[in-house]
Amino acid sequence: MYVIREIMHCKPGKVRAMVEKFHNLNKLTKDVGMGTMRVMTDVAAERYWTVISEIEVPNIDEFEQTSKKMMADPKFQEVMKGYHDLVEDGRREIYMIEK
């Protein structure tokens, strides 16, 4: 099992709009069987205006394949339309859950 985090550093005043995009994206990820995404904002972090989405997936290859399908989906494209206007930069972190 893996945890995948999308860490976005938003422009000032754009956090709420990015949170809404992640919440809407969460509805789509549930529909394709990817599980529930957790959305978090910073209280104290390295940078202000940080938004993180986090999802657990059993398999990285399956995550990548499903992600590619979703990116081609017009519903996904509509949800994420304009998100570059909300963020300064971001990164993805992938962790293996140790049992």
N, C-alpha and C. Protein backbone atom coordinates (compact mmCIF):
# COMPACT_ATOMS: atom_id res chain seq x y z
N MET A 1 0.86 -1.17 0.00
CA MET A 1 0.00 0.00 0.00
C MET A 1 0.90 1.23 0.00
N TYR A 2 0.46 2.27 -0.71
CA TYR A 2 1.24 3.49 -0.85
C TYR A 2 0.37 4.71 -0.52
N VAL A 3 1.03 5.76 -0.04
CA VAL A 3 0.39 7.05 0.16
C VAL A 3 0.98 7.99 -0.89
N ILE A 4 0.11 8.65 -1.62
CA ILE A 4 0.54 9.61 -2.63
C ILE A 4 0.04 10.98 -2.21
N ARG A 5 0.98 11.91 -2.10
CA ARG A 5 0.65 13.28 -1.70
C ARG A 5 0.96 14.23 -2.83
N GLU A 6 0.00 15.07 -3.13
CA GLU A 6 0.17 16.18 -4.07
C GLU A 6 0.25 17.43 -3.22
N ILE A 7 1.39 18.08 -3.23
CA ILE A 7 1.62 19.26 -2.39
C ILE A 7 1.67 20.48 -3.29
N MET A 8 0.74 21.39 -3.08
CA MET A 8 0.63 22.59 -3.90
C MET A 8 0.87 23.82 -3.04
N HIS A 9 1.75 24.69 -3.50
CA HIS A 9 1.97 25.98 -2.86
C HIS A 9 1.19 27.00 -3.68
N CYS A 10 0.12 27.49 -3.08
CA CYS A 10 -0.80 28.37 -3.79
C CYS A 10 -0.32 29.82 -3.75
N LYS A 11 -0.86 30.57 -4.67
CA LYS A 11 -0.67 32.02 -4.66
C LYS A 11 -1.53 32.58 -3.52
N PRO A 12 -1.14 33.73 -2.95
CA PRO A 12 -1.94 34.31 -1.87
C PRO A 12 -3.40 34.49 -2.29
N GLY A 13 -4.30 34.08 -1.41
CA GLY A 13 -5.73 34.22 -1.66
C GLY A 13 -6.34 33.13 -2.54
N LYS A 14 -5.57 32.13 -2.92
CA LYS A 14 -6.05 31.10 -3.85
C LYS A 14 -6.23 29.73 -3.21
N VAL A 15 -5.98 29.62 -1.90
CA VAL A 15 -6.07 28.32 -1.23
C VAL A 15 -7.48 27.73 -1.32
N ARG A 16 -8.50 28.52 -1.01
CA ARG A 16 -9.88 28.00 -0.99
C ARG A 16 -10.28 27.46 -2.35
N ALA A 17 -9.92 28.14 -3.41
CA ALA A 17 -10.25 27.67 -4.77
C ALA A 17 -9.56 26.35 -5.07
N MET A 18 -8.32 26.17 -4.62
CA MET A 18 -7.61 24.92 -4.85
C MET A 18 -8.22 23.80 -4.01
N VAL A 19 -8.61 24.11 -2.79
CA VAL A 19 -9.29 23.12 -1.94
C VAL A 19 -10.57 22.63 -2.63
N GLU A 20 -11.34 23.55 -3.19
CA GLU A 20 -12.57 23.18 -3.89
C GLU A 20 -12.28 22.28 -5.09
N LYS A 21 -11.22 22.58 -5.82
CA LYS A 21 -10.84 21.73 -6.95
C LYS A 21 -10.52 20.32 -6.47
N PHE A 22 -9.76 20.21 -5.37
CA PHE A 22 -9.43 18.88 -4.84
C PHE A 22 -10.68 18.15 -4.34
N HIS A 23 -11.61 18.86 -3.72
CA HIS A 23 -12.85 18.22 -3.27
C HIS A 23 -13.66 17.70 -4.48
N ASN A 24 -13.72 18.49 -5.53
CA ASN A 24 -14.42 18.05 -6.74
C ASN A 24 -13.68 16.89 -7.41
N LEU A 25 -12.36 16.94 -7.40
CA LEU A 25 -11.56 15.83 -7.93
C LEU A 25 -11.79 14.56 -7.13
N ASN A 26 -11.96 14.70 -5.83
CA ASN A 26 -12.21 13.56 -4.95
C ASN A 26 -13.46 12.79 -5.38
N LYS A 27 -14.48 13.50 -5.81
CA LYS A 27 -15.70 12.84 -6.30
C LYS A 27 -15.39 11.97 -7.50
N LEU A 28 -14.52 12.46 -8.39
CA LEU A 28 -14.16 11.68 -9.59
C LEU A 28 -13.28 10.49 -9.24
N THR A 29 -12.34 10.66 -8.30
CA THR A 29 -11.48 9.53 -7.94
C THR A 29 -12.28 8.42 -7.29
N LYS A 30 -13.29 8.77 -6.52
CA LYS A 30 -14.16 7.74 -5.93
C LYS A 30 -14.89 6.98 -7.02
N ASP A 31 -15.37 7.69 -8.04
CA ASP A 31 -16.12 7.06 -9.13
C ASP A 31 -15.30 6.04 -9.91
N VAL A 32 -13.98 6.25 -9.98
CA VAL A 32 -13.12 5.32 -10.72
C VAL A 32 -12.45 4.30 -9.80
N GLY A 33 -12.86 4.28 -8.52
CA GLY A 33 -12.37 3.27 -7.60
C GLY A 33 -11.00 3.54 -7.00
N MET A 34 -10.56 4.79 -7.01
CA MET A 34 -9.25 5.10 -6.44
C MET A 34 -9.28 5.33 -4.94
N GLY A 35 -10.43 5.41 -4.36
CA GLY A 35 -10.50 5.64 -2.92
C GLY A 35 -10.76 7.10 -2.60
N THR A 36 -10.77 7.38 -1.31
CA THR A 36 -11.09 8.71 -0.82
C THR A 36 -9.81 9.52 -0.63
N MET A 37 -9.84 10.72 -1.12
CA MET A 37 -8.73 11.64 -1.00
C MET A 37 -8.92 12.50 0.24
N ARG A 38 -7.85 12.70 0.98
CA ARG A 38 -7.88 13.60 2.13
C ARG A 38 -7.28 14.92 1.66
N VAL A 39 -7.93 16.04 1.99
CA VAL A 39 -7.45 17.36 1.60
C VAL A 39 -7.09 18.13 2.87
N MET A 40 -5.87 18.69 2.89
CA MET A 40 -5.38 19.38 4.07
C MET A 40 -4.81 20.75 3.68
N THR A 41 -4.90 21.69 4.62
CA THR A 41 -4.26 23.01 4.44
C THR A 41 -3.32 23.24 5.61
N ASP A 42 -2.35 24.11 5.39
CA ASP A 42 -1.34 24.33 6.43
C ASP A 42 -1.90 25.13 7.60
N VAL A 43 -1.45 24.76 8.77
CA VAL A 43 -1.64 25.55 9.98
C VAL A 43 -0.28 26.14 10.35
N ALA A 44 0.72 25.29 10.27
CA ALA A 44 2.12 25.70 10.42
C ALA A 44 2.89 24.79 9.48
N ALA A 45 3.54 25.37 8.50
CA ALA A 45 4.26 24.58 7.50
C ALA A 45 5.49 25.36 7.05
N GLU A 46 6.23 24.71 6.18
CA GLU A 46 7.42 25.34 5.62
C GLU A 46 7.07 26.62 4.87
N ARG A 47 5.91 26.60 4.19
CA ARG A 47 5.44 27.75 3.41
C ARG A 47 3.97 28.02 3.71
N TYR A 48 3.59 29.27 3.63
CA TYR A 48 2.19 29.63 3.73
C TYR A 48 1.44 29.15 2.49
N TRP A 49 0.13 29.07 2.60
CA TRP A 49 -0.77 28.79 1.47
C TRP A 49 -0.49 27.43 0.82
N THR A 50 -0.26 26.42 1.67
CA THR A 50 0.00 25.07 1.18
C THR A 50 -1.27 24.24 1.26
N VAL A 51 -1.57 23.54 0.17
CA VAL A 51 -2.69 22.60 0.11
C VAL A 51 -2.13 21.24 -0.26
N ILE A 52 -2.56 20.22 0.47
CA ILE A 52 -2.08 18.86 0.23
C ILE A 52 -3.28 17.95 0.01
N SER A 53 -3.22 17.16 -1.05
CA SER A 53 -4.18 16.07 -1.21
C SER A 53 -3.42 14.78 -1.01
N GLU A 54 -4.06 13.85 -0.35
CA GLU A 54 -3.41 12.59 -0.01
C GLU A 54 -4.37 11.44 -0.27
N ILE A 55 -3.86 10.40 -0.90
CA ILE A 55 -4.69 9.24 -1.21
C ILE A 55 -3.86 7.97 -1.01
N GLU A 56 -4.50 6.93 -0.52
CA GLU A 56 -3.83 5.64 -0.39
C GLU A 56 -4.21 4.77 -1.57
N VAL A 57 -3.21 4.13 -2.16
CA VAL A 57 -3.44 3.25 -3.30
C VAL A 57 -2.67 1.95 -3.09
N PRO A 58 -3.22 0.84 -3.56
CA PRO A 58 -2.54 -0.44 -3.37
C PRO A 58 -1.34 -0.64 -4.31
N ASN A 59 -1.35 0.07 -5.44
CA ASN A 59 -0.38 -0.23 -6.48
C ASN A 59 -0.05 1.05 -7.26
N ILE A 60 1.22 1.38 -7.39
CA ILE A 60 1.61 2.61 -8.09
C ILE A 60 1.31 2.53 -9.58
N ASP A 61 1.54 1.38 -10.19
CA ASP A 61 1.26 1.23 -11.62
C ASP A 61 -0.21 1.45 -11.93
N GLU A 62 -1.07 0.89 -11.10
CA GLU A 62 -2.52 1.07 -11.26
C GLU A 62 -2.89 2.54 -11.09
N PHE A 63 -2.27 3.21 -10.12
CA PHE A 63 -2.51 4.64 -9.90
C PHE A 63 -2.15 5.43 -11.16
N GLU A 64 -0.99 5.14 -11.73
CA GLU A 64 -0.54 5.85 -12.93
C GLU A 64 -1.49 5.62 -14.11
N GLN A 65 -1.91 4.38 -14.31
CA GLN A 65 -2.83 4.07 -15.42
C GLN A 65 -4.16 4.78 -15.23
N THR A 66 -4.69 4.73 -14.02
CA THR A 66 -5.96 5.39 -13.74
C THR A 66 -5.82 6.90 -13.89
N SER A 67 -4.70 7.45 -13.45
CA SER A 67 -4.47 8.89 -13.57
C SER A 67 -4.46 9.32 -15.03
N LYS A 68 -3.82 8.55 -15.88
CA LYS A 68 -3.77 8.88 -17.31
C LYS A 68 -5.17 8.86 -17.92
N LYS A 69 -5.98 7.88 -17.54
CA LYS A 69 -7.36 7.81 -18.03
C LYS A 69 -8.16 9.03 -17.56
N MET A 70 -7.96 9.38 -16.29
CA MET A 70 -8.70 10.52 -15.74
C MET A 70 -8.31 11.81 -16.45
N MET A 71 -7.03 11.99 -16.75
CA MET A 71 -6.58 13.22 -17.40
C MET A 71 -7.18 13.38 -18.80
N ALA A 72 -7.56 12.28 -19.41
CA ALA A 72 -8.18 12.33 -20.73
C ALA A 72 -9.70 12.55 -20.64
N ASP A 73 -10.25 12.43 -19.44
CA ASP A 73 -11.69 12.55 -19.21
C ASP A 73 -12.09 14.03 -19.17
N PRO A 74 -13.09 14.43 -19.98
CA PRO A 74 -13.53 15.84 -19.98
C PRO A 74 -14.00 16.32 -18.61
N LYS A 75 -14.58 15.44 -17.78
CA LYS A 75 -15.01 15.85 -16.44
C LYS A 75 -13.80 16.25 -15.59
N PHE A 76 -12.75 15.47 -15.68
CA PHE A 76 -11.52 15.78 -14.96
C PHE A 76 -10.93 17.10 -15.46
N GLN A 77 -10.88 17.24 -16.77
CA GLN A 77 -10.32 18.46 -17.36
C GLN A 77 -11.09 19.69 -16.90
N GLU A 78 -12.40 19.57 -16.79
CA GLU A 78 -13.23 20.70 -16.35
C GLU A 78 -12.94 21.04 -14.88
N VAL A 79 -12.82 20.02 -14.04
CA VAL A 79 -12.55 20.25 -12.62
C VAL A 79 -11.21 20.95 -12.44
N MET A 80 -10.20 20.53 -13.18
CA MET A 80 -8.85 21.06 -12.99
C MET A 80 -8.54 22.27 -13.88
N LYS A 81 -9.50 22.67 -14.68
CA LYS A 81 -9.30 23.83 -15.56
C LYS A 81 -8.88 25.05 -14.74
N GLY A 82 -7.80 25.68 -15.16
CA GLY A 82 -7.35 26.91 -14.53
C GLY A 82 -6.57 26.74 -13.24
N TYR A 83 -6.24 25.51 -12.86
CA TYR A 83 -5.56 25.36 -11.58
C TYR A 83 -4.15 25.95 -11.60
N HIS A 84 -3.53 26.05 -12.77
CA HIS A 84 -2.21 26.68 -12.85
C HIS A 84 -2.26 28.14 -12.41
N ASP A 85 -3.41 28.77 -12.53
CA ASP A 85 -3.56 30.15 -12.08
C ASP A 85 -3.61 30.26 -10.56
N LEU A 86 -3.78 29.13 -9.87
CA LEU A 86 -3.92 29.12 -8.42
C LEU A 86 -2.62 28.80 -7.69
N VAL A 87 -1.68 28.13 -8.38
CA VAL A 87 -0.49 27.63 -7.70
C VAL A 87 0.79 28.27 -8.22
N GLU A 88 1.77 28.37 -7.33
CA GLU A 88 3.10 28.81 -7.71
C GLU A 88 3.96 27.62 -8.10
N ASP A 89 3.87 26.55 -7.30
CA ASP A 89 4.61 25.33 -7.61
C ASP A 89 4.02 24.19 -6.79
N GLY A 90 4.54 23.01 -7.04
CA GLY A 90 4.06 21.85 -6.31
C GLY A 90 4.96 20.66 -6.55
N ARG A 91 4.63 19.59 -5.86
CA ARG A 91 5.39 18.36 -6.02
C ARG A 91 4.53 17.18 -5.59
N ARG A 92 4.99 16.00 -5.96
CA ARG A 92 4.34 14.74 -5.56
C ARG A 92 5.30 13.96 -4.70
N GLU A 93 4.78 13.41 -3.61
CA GLU A 93 5.55 12.52 -2.76
C GLU A 93 4.83 11.19 -2.72
N ILE A 94 5.60 10.11 -2.76
CA ILE A 94 5.03 8.76 -2.70
C ILE A 94 5.74 8.00 -1.59
N TYR A 95 4.95 7.45 -0.68
CA TYR A 95 5.49 6.70 0.45
C TYR A 95 4.90 5.31 0.49
N MET A 96 5.72 4.34 0.85
CA MET A 96 5.22 2.98 1.05
C MET A 96 4.82 2.85 2.52
N ILE A 97 3.63 2.30 2.75
CA ILE A 97 3.16 2.07 4.11
C ILE A 97 3.77 0.78 4.61
N GLU A 98 4.51 0.85 5.68
CA GLU A 98 5.17 -0.32 6.26
C GLU A 98 4.23 -0.99 7.25
N LYS A 99 4.17 -2.30 7.14
CA LYS A 99 3.29 -3.06 8.07
C LYS A 99 4.12 -4.00 8.90
